[in-house]
Amino acid sequence: QVQLVESGGGSVQPGGSLRLSCAASGSIFSTNVMGWYRQAPGKEREWVAAVTSGGSTNYANSVKGRFTISRDNAKNTVWLQMNSLKPEDTAVYYCNAVPYTGKYNWGKGTLVTVSS
């Protein structure tokens, strides 16, 4: 069973940047679409960004133009570069397949806090 481990979260001021990483314990090459999700306090988990094995990307409207997703199949890693962060980006961020099918269990996530 492939495990997903997210890292890179932290506390930043509005307008700041963070780079999240998702390391898979096994190969994710066969998973065509990987992505990032987030869950804000008191809200349901929502999809944020996706990247295909070929590098095509797609983003939720709320992050389009500010976030960039990428992946390295050889390193079994997915990244999320987050720029121009806003307080409403505060959430626990998770990576997983898109759409979520249960192929991979949810990791513990990484907390992003945007506050002045």
Protein backbone atom coordinates (compact mmCIF):
# COMPACT_ATOMS: atom_id res chain seq x y z
CA GLN A 1 0.00 0.00 0.00
CA VAL A 2 1.49 3.30 -1.10
CA GLN A 3 1.68 5.89 1.67
CA LEU A 4 1.46 9.62 0.96
CA VAL A 5 3.37 12.01 3.22
CA GLU A 6 2.75 15.73 2.91
CA SER A 7 5.17 18.38 4.17
CA GLY A 8 6.12 22.02 3.78
CA GLY A 9 3.27 23.73 5.55
CA GLY A 10 3.71 26.56 8.01
CA SER A 11 2.57 30.00 9.05
CA VAL A 12 2.93 32.92 6.65
CA GLN A 13 1.61 36.43 6.29
CA PRO A 14 -0.85 37.33 3.54
CA GLY A 15 1.00 37.65 0.26
CA GLY A 16 3.61 35.11 1.28
CA SER A 17 4.62 31.85 -0.38
CA LEU A 18 5.01 28.21 0.57
CA ARG A 19 6.00 25.10 -1.33
CA LEU A 20 4.30 21.87 -0.32
CA SER A 21 5.67 18.43 -1.08
CA CYS A 22 3.97 15.05 -1.26
CA ALA A 23 6.24 12.03 -1.16
CA ALA A 24 4.84 8.64 -2.08
CA SER A 25 6.37 5.51 -0.58
CA GLY A 26 5.89 3.68 -3.86
CA SER A 27 5.37 4.33 -7.51
CA ILE A 28 2.64 6.77 -8.50
CA PHE A 29 3.58 6.55 -12.15
CA SER A 30 0.52 4.46 -12.95
CA THR A 31 -1.79 7.02 -11.38
CA ASN A 32 -2.61 9.35 -14.23
CA VAL A 33 -3.88 12.28 -12.22
CA MET A 34 -2.51 13.32 -8.83
CA GLY A 35 -3.59 16.40 -7.00
CA TRP A 36 -3.88 18.48 -3.89
CA TYR A 37 -6.91 18.90 -1.69
CA ARG A 38 -7.46 21.08 1.36
CA GLN A 39 -9.76 21.16 4.35
CA ALA A 40 -10.36 24.40 6.19
CA PRO A 41 -11.63 24.40 9.79
CA GLY A 42 -15.31 23.53 9.88
CA LYS A 43 -15.48 22.88 6.14
CA GLU A 44 -15.46 19.84 3.88
CA ARG A 45 -12.32 18.79 2.03
CA GLU A 46 -12.10 20.38 -1.41
CA TRP A 47 -10.02 19.78 -4.49
CA VAL A 48 -7.38 22.44 -5.24
CA ALA A 49 -5.17 21.35 -8.13
CA ALA A 50 -4.39 18.39 -10.36
CA VAL A 51 -1.56 17.26 -12.61
CA THR A 52 -1.51 14.41 -15.11
CA SER A 53 1.42 12.04 -15.57
CA GLY A 54 2.18 14.03 -18.72
CA GLY A 55 2.29 17.34 -16.89
CA SER A 56 -1.06 18.87 -17.81
CA THR A 57 -2.54 20.88 -14.97
CA ASN A 58 -5.89 22.11 -13.74
CA TYR A 59 -6.82 24.36 -10.83
CA ALA A 60 -9.78 25.38 -8.76
CA ASN A 61 -10.87 28.91 -9.61
CA SER A 62 -9.99 30.07 -6.10
CA VAL A 63 -6.27 29.36 -6.61
CA LYS A 64 -5.85 29.79 -10.35
CA GLY A 65 -2.97 32.12 -11.13
CA ARG A 66 -1.51 31.81 -7.63
CA PHE A 67 -0.77 28.10 -7.19
CA THR A 68 1.35 25.82 -9.41
CA ILE A 69 1.27 22.04 -9.22
CA SER A 70 4.00 19.78 -10.56
CA ARG A 71 5.16 16.18 -10.26
CA ASP A 72 8.20 14.02 -10.79
CA ASN A 73 7.19 10.44 -11.53
CA ALA A 74 10.76 9.17 -11.12
CA LYS A 75 10.91 10.67 -7.63
CA ASN A 76 7.29 9.77 -6.79
CA THR A 77 6.74 13.33 -5.64
CA VAL A 78 4.11 15.98 -6.21
CA TRP A 79 4.61 19.64 -5.32
CA LEU A 80 2.35 22.63 -4.83
CA GLN A 81 3.91 26.07 -5.11
CA MET A 82 1.62 28.58 -3.42
CA ASN A 83 2.13 32.29 -3.99
CA SER A 84 0.14 35.37 -3.00
CA LEU A 85 -1.38 33.46 -0.12
CA LYS A 86 -4.61 34.72 1.39
CA PRO A 87 -6.16 34.09 4.81
CA GLU A 88 -8.83 31.97 3.10
CA ASP A 89 -6.08 29.58 1.99
CA THR A 90 -5.67 28.51 5.61
CA ALA A 91 -6.31 24.77 5.73
CA VAL A 92 -4.77 21.34 6.07
CA TYR A 93 -3.47 20.33 2.63
CA TYR A 94 -3.47 16.74 1.39
CA CYS A 95 -2.36 15.03 -1.79
CA ASN A 96 -4.08 12.07 -3.40
CA ALA A 97 -5.31 10.75 -6.70
CA VAL A 98 -7.84 12.82 -8.63
CA PRO A 99 -10.62 11.96 -8.41
CA TYR A 100 -10.31 10.36 -5.03
CA THR A 101 -11.11 6.65 -5.37
CA GLY A 102 -9.63 5.23 -2.19
CA LYS A 103 -6.64 3.85 -4.10
CA TYR A 104 -4.42 5.69 -1.61
CA ASN A 105 -5.26 6.34 2.00
CA TRP A 106 -5.28 9.95 3.11
CA GLY A 107 -2.05 11.10 4.71
CA LYS A 108 -1.86 13.31 7.77
CA GLY A 109 -1.70 16.43 5.65
CA THR A 110 0.29 19.58 6.25
CA LEU A 111 -1.14 22.69 7.91
CA VAL A 112 -0.97 26.04 6.15
CA THR A 113 -1.88 29.11 8.19
CA VAL A 114 -2.10 32.52 6.53
CA SER A 115 -2.48 35.32 9.02
CA SER A 116 -1.13 38.75 9.79
